[in-house]
Amino acid sequence: MITPNIRYYAQMVYDTNSKKTPKYVITAQAGYYPPMEQIKGRTGLISMYLMEKIKEGANVPSMRLQAKDSLNFTGLKEYFVNGKLSGFAYGYPLTDKTYSAKKKENPFFEYKNDGYLFLIHQDKNANTAPEKIRPTVIELIVLDGAKVLISSYCKQLMMGGFDEAIKSLREQARQVDAIR
């Protein structure tokens, strides 16, 4: 399988100051993804909340990431596999031009055909059940126009098919972060 064009990479770290709902803040990034500029908070940082699904349904992912102004950034498909954390997930942008009852403009609408891959890292030394299932770091990889094949790309990710690209993205992200 050919590796698609990677538009953007971000490392989201658990905010230890978050209350009931786990909050993740982007601390390192590589590449550029214009809609991310639209979801920066008043501090200039991009943060997202890891939330459980809000409605039942066979096609509704068990977890999702919610950004600024209650924008459903994406559902996390295959976050759990056979009742266990998989360490991987995939998703894609909301395809509606607007969102919420207030009809806010969806900044990701123009990018609705992109696909998202996630690497989810848990604290292996955690003591309590909630700490064991709450990720410490979530890595996001945005693939250009990959929505239709994103589940296949997730399988490729699980089998190590993106290892070299991820290693390079992590290095680039460190360099970008070090410049700031």
C-alpha atoms as a PDB file:
ATOM      1  CA  MET A   1       0.000   0.000   0.000  1.00  0.00           C
ATOM      2  CA  ILE A   2       1.294   3.432  -0.912  1.00  0.00           C
ATOM      3  CA  THR A   3       1.737   5.866   1.967  1.00  0.00           C
ATOM      4  CA  PRO A   4      -0.473   8.916   1.386  1.00  0.00           C
ATOM      5  CA  ASN A   5       0.678  12.499   1.739  1.00  0.00           C
ATOM      6  CA  ILE A   6       0.914  13.462   5.408  1.00  0.00           C
ATOM      7  CA  ARG A   7      -0.397  17.008   5.866  1.00  0.00           C
ATOM      8  CA  TYR A   8       0.075  17.445   9.582  1.00  0.00           C
ATOM      9  CA  TYR A   9       1.265  15.802  12.776  1.00  0.00           C
ATOM     10  CA  ALA A  10       0.473  16.826  16.341  1.00  0.00           C
ATOM     11  CA  GLN A  11       1.291  15.486  19.760  1.00  0.00           C
ATOM     12  CA  MET A  12      -1.461  16.093  22.304  1.00  0.00           C
ATOM     13  CA  VAL A  13      -0.481  15.758  25.950  1.00  0.00           C
ATOM     14  CA  TYR A  14      -2.874  15.181  28.840  1.00  0.00           C
ATOM     15  CA  ASP A  15      -3.438  18.388  30.804  1.00  0.00           C
ATOM     16  CA  THR A  16      -3.069  17.368  34.437  1.00  0.00           C
ATOM     17  CA  ASN A  17      -5.145  20.424  35.416  1.00  0.00           C
ATOM     18  CA  SER A  18      -8.199  19.149  33.555  1.00  0.00           C
ATOM     19  CA  LYS A  19     -11.136  18.302  35.745  1.00  0.00           C
ATOM     20  CA  LYS A  20     -13.678  15.548  35.068  1.00  0.00           C
ATOM     21  CA  THR A  21     -13.256  15.389  31.283  1.00  0.00           C
ATOM     22  CA  PRO A  22      -9.682  14.672  30.130  1.00  0.00           C
ATOM     23  CA  LYS A  23      -8.222  17.609  28.213  1.00  0.00           C
ATOM     24  CA  TYR A  24      -5.333  17.317  25.759  1.00  0.00           C
ATOM     25  CA  VAL A  25      -3.159  20.196  24.584  1.00  0.00           C
ATOM     26  CA  ILE A  26      -1.061  20.175  21.418  1.00  0.00           C
ATOM     27  CA  THR A  27       2.524  20.631  22.564  1.00  0.00           C
ATOM     28  CA  ALA A  28       4.381  19.726  19.363  1.00  0.00           C
ATOM     29  CA  GLN A  29       3.423  19.760  15.698  1.00  0.00           C
ATOM     30  CA  ALA A  30       4.883  19.307  12.230  1.00  0.00           C
ATOM     31  CA  GLY A  31       3.444  20.426   8.923  1.00  0.00           C
ATOM     32  CA  TYR A  32       0.598  22.857   8.544  1.00  0.00           C
ATOM     33  CA  TYR A  33      -3.146  22.226   8.640  1.00  0.00           C
ATOM     34  CA  PRO A  34      -5.013  25.541   8.185  1.00  0.00           C
ATOM     35  CA  PRO A  35      -8.241  24.642  10.041  1.00  0.00           C
ATOM     36  CA  MET A  36      -6.285  24.049  13.235  1.00  0.00           C
ATOM     37  CA  GLU A  37      -5.739  27.813  13.414  1.00  0.00           C
ATOM     38  CA  GLN A  38      -9.506  28.216  13.841  1.00  0.00           C
ATOM     39  CA  ILE A  39      -9.659  26.066  16.968  1.00  0.00           C
ATOM     40  CA  LYS A  40      -6.951  27.812  18.974  1.00  0.00           C
ATOM     41  CA  GLY A  41      -8.155  28.862  22.390  1.00  0.00           C
ATOM     42  CA  ARG A  42      -7.747  32.262  24.005  1.00  0.00           C
ATOM     43  CA  THR A  43      -4.309  31.191  25.248  1.00  0.00           C
ATOM     44  CA  GLY A  44      -3.198  30.553  21.656  1.00  0.00           C
ATOM     45  CA  LEU A  45      -3.029  26.811  22.261  1.00  0.00           C
ATOM     46  CA  ILE A  46      -5.077  24.082  20.620  1.00  0.00           C
ATOM     47  CA  SER A  47      -6.791  21.770  23.068  1.00  0.00           C
ATOM     48  CA  MET A  48      -9.348  18.998  22.793  1.00  0.00           C
ATOM     49  CA  TYR A  49     -11.429  16.975  25.207  1.00  0.00           C
ATOM     50  CA  LEU A  50     -11.591  13.189  25.092  1.00  0.00           C
ATOM     51  CA  MET A  51     -15.258  12.328  25.510  1.00  0.00           C
ATOM     52  CA  GLU A  52     -17.460   9.260  25.464  1.00  0.00           C
ATOM     53  CA  LYS A  53     -20.070   8.893  22.746  1.00  0.00           C
ATOM     54  CA  ILE A  54     -23.228  10.907  23.202  1.00  0.00           C
ATOM     55  CA  LYS A  55     -25.646   8.588  21.442  1.00  0.00           C
ATOM     56  CA  GLU A  56     -25.972   4.906  20.836  1.00  0.00           C
ATOM     57  CA  GLY A  57     -25.668   3.367  17.423  1.00  0.00           C
ATOM     58  CA  ALA A  58     -23.753   0.714  15.570  1.00  0.00           C
ATOM     59  CA  ASN A  59     -21.729   3.252  13.608  1.00  0.00           C
ATOM     60  CA  VAL A  60     -21.045   5.667  16.482  1.00  0.00           C
ATOM     61  CA  PRO A  61     -17.491   5.459  17.861  1.00  0.00           C
ATOM     62  CA  SER A  62     -17.220   4.894  21.614  1.00  0.00           C
ATOM     63  CA  MET A  63     -14.900   7.893  22.032  1.00  0.00           C
ATOM     64  CA  ARG A  64     -14.493  11.268  20.332  1.00  0.00           C
ATOM     65  CA  LEU A  65     -12.367  14.380  20.460  1.00  0.00           C
ATOM     66  CA  GLN A  66     -14.154  17.670  20.946  1.00  0.00           C
ATOM     67  CA  ALA A  67     -12.465  20.997  20.190  1.00  0.00           C
ATOM     68  CA  LYS A  68     -13.205  24.658  20.831  1.00  0.00           C
ATOM     69  CA  ASP A  69     -16.862  25.772  20.701  1.00  0.00           C
ATOM     70  CA  SER A  70     -18.066  22.146  21.034  1.00  0.00           C
ATOM     71  CA  LEU A  71     -16.796  21.200  17.577  1.00  0.00           C
ATOM     72  CA  ASN A  72     -16.793  17.423  17.236  1.00  0.00           C
ATOM     73  CA  PHE A  73     -13.250  17.154  15.848  1.00  0.00           C
ATOM     74  CA  THR A  74     -13.679  13.435  15.157  1.00  0.00           C
ATOM     75  CA  GLY A  75     -14.936  10.131  16.487  1.00  0.00           C
ATOM     76  CA  LEU A  76     -12.210   7.660  17.396  1.00  0.00           C
ATOM     77  CA  LYS A  77     -13.054   4.453  15.570  1.00  0.00           C
ATOM     78  CA  GLU A  78     -11.387   1.256  16.807  1.00  0.00           C
ATOM     79  CA  TYR A  79     -10.286   3.020  20.008  1.00  0.00           C
ATOM     80  CA  PHE A  80     -11.537  -0.118  21.735  1.00  0.00           C
ATOM     81  CA  VAL A  81     -11.250  -3.507  20.025  1.00  0.00           C
ATOM     82  CA  ASN A  82     -12.968  -6.470  21.685  1.00  0.00           C
ATOM     83  CA  GLY A  83     -13.464  -4.344  24.799  1.00  0.00           C
ATOM     84  CA  LYS A  84      -9.772  -3.491  25.176  1.00  0.00           C
ATOM     85  CA  LEU A  85      -7.813  -0.348  24.359  1.00  0.00           C
ATOM     86  CA  SER A  86      -6.209  -0.820  20.964  1.00  0.00           C
ATOM     87  CA  GLY A  87      -3.583   1.930  21.160  1.00  0.00           C
ATOM     88  CA  PHE A  88      -4.719   3.107  17.724  1.00  0.00           C
ATOM     89  CA  ALA A  89      -7.736   4.835  16.224  1.00  0.00           C
ATOM     90  CA  TYR A  90      -8.884   6.582  13.091  1.00  0.00           C
ATOM     91  CA  GLY A  91     -11.404   9.218  12.135  1.00  0.00           C
ATOM     92  CA  TYR A  92     -12.136  12.060   9.769  1.00  0.00           C
ATOM     93  CA  PRO A  93     -13.503  15.600   9.813  1.00  0.00           C
ATOM     94  CA  LEU A  94     -17.131  16.534  10.170  1.00  0.00           C
ATOM     95  CA  THR A  95     -18.616  16.744   6.661  1.00  0.00           C
ATOM     96  CA  ASP A  96     -21.310  19.335   7.408  1.00  0.00           C
ATOM     97  CA  LYS A  97     -20.729  22.959   6.438  1.00  0.00           C
ATOM     98  CA  THR A  98     -21.987  24.079   9.859  1.00  0.00           C
ATOM     99  CA  TYR A  99     -22.266  22.479  13.289  1.00  0.00           C
ATOM    100  CA  SER A 100     -24.245  22.923  16.501  1.00  0.00           C
ATOM    101  CA  ALA A 101     -27.689  24.436  16.922  1.00  0.00           C
ATOM    102  CA  LYS A 102     -26.079  27.848  16.461  1.00  0.00           C
ATOM    103  CA  LYS A 103     -24.979  26.888  12.909  1.00  0.00           C
ATOM    104  CA  LYS A 104     -21.318  27.720  13.465  1.00  0.00           C
ATOM    105  CA  GLU A 105     -19.092  27.437  10.405  1.00  0.00           C
ATOM    106  CA  ASN A 106     -17.143  24.171  10.331  1.00  0.00           C
ATOM    107  CA  PRO A 107     -13.461  25.101   9.769  1.00  0.00           C
ATOM    108  CA  PHE A 108     -12.736  21.546   8.570  1.00  0.00           C
ATOM    109  CA  PHE A 109     -15.426  21.476   5.858  1.00  0.00           C
ATOM    110  CA  GLU A 110     -12.942  22.212   3.063  1.00  0.00           C
ATOM    111  CA  TYR A 111     -10.825  19.290   4.350  1.00  0.00           C
ATOM    112  CA  LYS A 112     -13.702  16.806   4.745  1.00  0.00           C
ATOM    113  CA  ASN A 113     -11.962  14.160   2.599  1.00  0.00           C
ATOM    114  CA  ASP A 114      -8.883  13.968   4.831  1.00  0.00           C
ATOM    115  CA  GLY A 115      -8.344  11.086   7.218  1.00  0.00           C
ATOM    116  CA  TYR A 116      -6.976  11.051  10.743  1.00  0.00           C
ATOM    117  CA  LEU A 117      -4.819   8.396  12.366  1.00  0.00           C
ATOM    118  CA  PHE A 118      -4.164   8.294  16.099  1.00  0.00           C
ATOM    119  CA  LEU A 119      -1.563   6.601  18.261  1.00  0.00           C
ATOM    120  CA  ILE A 120      -2.773   6.425  21.842  1.00  0.00           C
ATOM    121  CA  HIS A 121      -0.286   6.062  24.699  1.00  0.00           C
ATOM    122  CA  GLN A 122      -1.346   4.995  28.202  1.00  0.00           C
ATOM    123  CA  ASP A 123       0.600   5.277  31.442  1.00  0.00           C
ATOM    124  CA  LYS A 124       1.884   1.762  32.024  1.00  0.00           C
ATOM    125  CA  ASN A 125       2.649   2.601  35.669  1.00  0.00           C
ATOM    126  CA  ALA A 126      -0.798   3.984  36.523  1.00  0.00           C
ATOM    127  CA  ASN A 127      -2.375   2.741  39.745  1.00  0.00           C
ATOM    128  CA  THR A 128      -6.105   3.299  39.295  1.00  0.00           C
ATOM    129  CA  ALA A 129      -8.446   2.006  36.581  1.00  0.00           C
ATOM    130  CA  PRO A 130      -9.302   5.503  35.260  1.00  0.00           C
ATOM    131  CA  GLU A 131      -5.600   6.380  35.057  1.00  0.00           C
ATOM    132  CA  LYS A 132      -4.866   3.130  33.224  1.00  0.00           C
ATOM    133  CA  ILE A 133      -7.384   3.834  30.465  1.00  0.00           C
ATOM    134  CA  ARG A 134      -6.813   7.599  30.210  1.00  0.00           C
ATOM    135  CA  PRO A 135      -4.169   8.320  27.563  1.00  0.00           C
ATOM    136  CA  THR A 136      -1.147  10.359  28.574  1.00  0.00           C
ATOM    137  CA  VAL A 137      -0.373  11.278  24.946  1.00  0.00           C
ATOM    138  CA  ILE A 138      -2.405  11.144  21.746  1.00  0.00           C
ATOM    139  CA  GLU A 139      -0.559  11.523  18.456  1.00  0.00           C
ATOM    140  CA  LEU A 140      -2.522  12.773  15.446  1.00  0.00           C
ATOM    141  CA  ILE A 141      -1.525  12.234  11.821  1.00  0.00           C
ATOM    142  CA  VAL A 142      -3.601  13.948   9.126  1.00  0.00           C
ATOM    143  CA  LEU A 143      -3.562  12.199   5.751  1.00  0.00           C
ATOM    144  CA  ASP A 144      -4.451  14.225   2.662  1.00  0.00           C
ATOM    145  CA  GLY A 145      -7.658  12.982   1.002  1.00  0.00           C
ATOM    146  CA  ALA A 146      -7.496   9.617   2.768  1.00  0.00           C
ATOM    147  CA  LYS A 147     -10.990   9.417   4.281  1.00  0.00           C
ATOM    148  CA  VAL A 148     -12.185   6.540   2.077  1.00  0.00           C
ATOM    149  CA  LEU A 149      -9.158   4.371   2.930  1.00  0.00           C
ATOM    150  CA  ILE A 150      -8.517   5.538   6.488  1.00  0.00           C
ATOM    151  CA  SER A 151      -9.511   2.224   8.133  1.00  0.00           C
ATOM    152  CA  SER A 152      -6.974   0.435   5.896  1.00  0.00           C
ATOM    153  CA  TYR A 153      -4.338   3.019   6.756  1.00  0.00           C
ATOM    154  CA  CYS A 154      -5.073   2.395  10.433  1.00  0.00           C
ATOM    155  CA  LYS A 155      -4.358  -1.308   9.927  1.00  0.00           C
ATOM    156  CA  GLN A 156      -1.151  -0.327   8.140  1.00  0.00           C
ATOM    157  CA  LEU A 157      -0.273   1.895  11.122  1.00  0.00           C
ATOM    158  CA  MET A 158      -0.863  -1.021  13.521  1.00  0.00           C
ATOM    159  CA  MET A 159       1.472  -3.231  11.480  1.00  0.00           C
ATOM    160  CA  GLY A 160       4.294  -0.674  11.544  1.00  0.00           C
ATOM    161  CA  GLY A 161       3.746   0.695   8.055  1.00  0.00           C
ATOM    162  CA  PHE A 162       4.093   4.298   9.230  1.00  0.00           C
ATOM    163  CA  ASP A 163       6.957   3.788  11.684  1.00  0.00           C
ATOM    164  CA  GLU A 164       9.609   5.613   9.624  1.00  0.00           C
ATOM    165  CA  ALA A 165       7.254   8.481   8.765  1.00  0.00           C
ATOM    166  CA  ILE A 166       6.220   8.846  12.421  1.00  0.00           C
ATOM    167  CA  LYS A 167       9.835   8.830  13.562  1.00  0.00           C
ATOM    168  CA  SER A 168      10.582  11.628  11.098  1.00  0.00           C
ATOM    169  CA  LEU A 169       7.459  13.599  12.110  1.00  0.00           C
ATOM    170  CA  ARG A 170       8.361  13.348  15.788  1.00  0.00           C
ATOM    171  CA  GLU A 171      11.823  14.672  15.025  1.00  0.00           C
ATOM    172  CA  GLN A 172      10.420  17.537  12.950  1.00  0.00           C
ATOM    173  CA  ALA A 173       7.936  18.348  15.696  1.00  0.00           C
ATOM    174  CA  ARG A 174      10.708  18.542  18.253  1.00  0.00           C
ATOM    175  CA  GLN A 175      12.610  20.934  16.024  1.00  0.00           C
ATOM    176  CA  VAL A 176       9.547  23.115  15.512  1.00  0.00           C
ATOM    177  CA  ASP A 177       8.829  23.051  19.245  1.00  0.00           C
ATOM    178  CA  ALA A 178      12.452  23.894  20.074  1.00  0.00           C
ATOM    179  CA  ILE A 179      12.344  27.013  17.882  1.00  0.00           C
ATOM    180  CA  ARG A 180       9.486  28.546  19.907  1.00  0.00           C
END
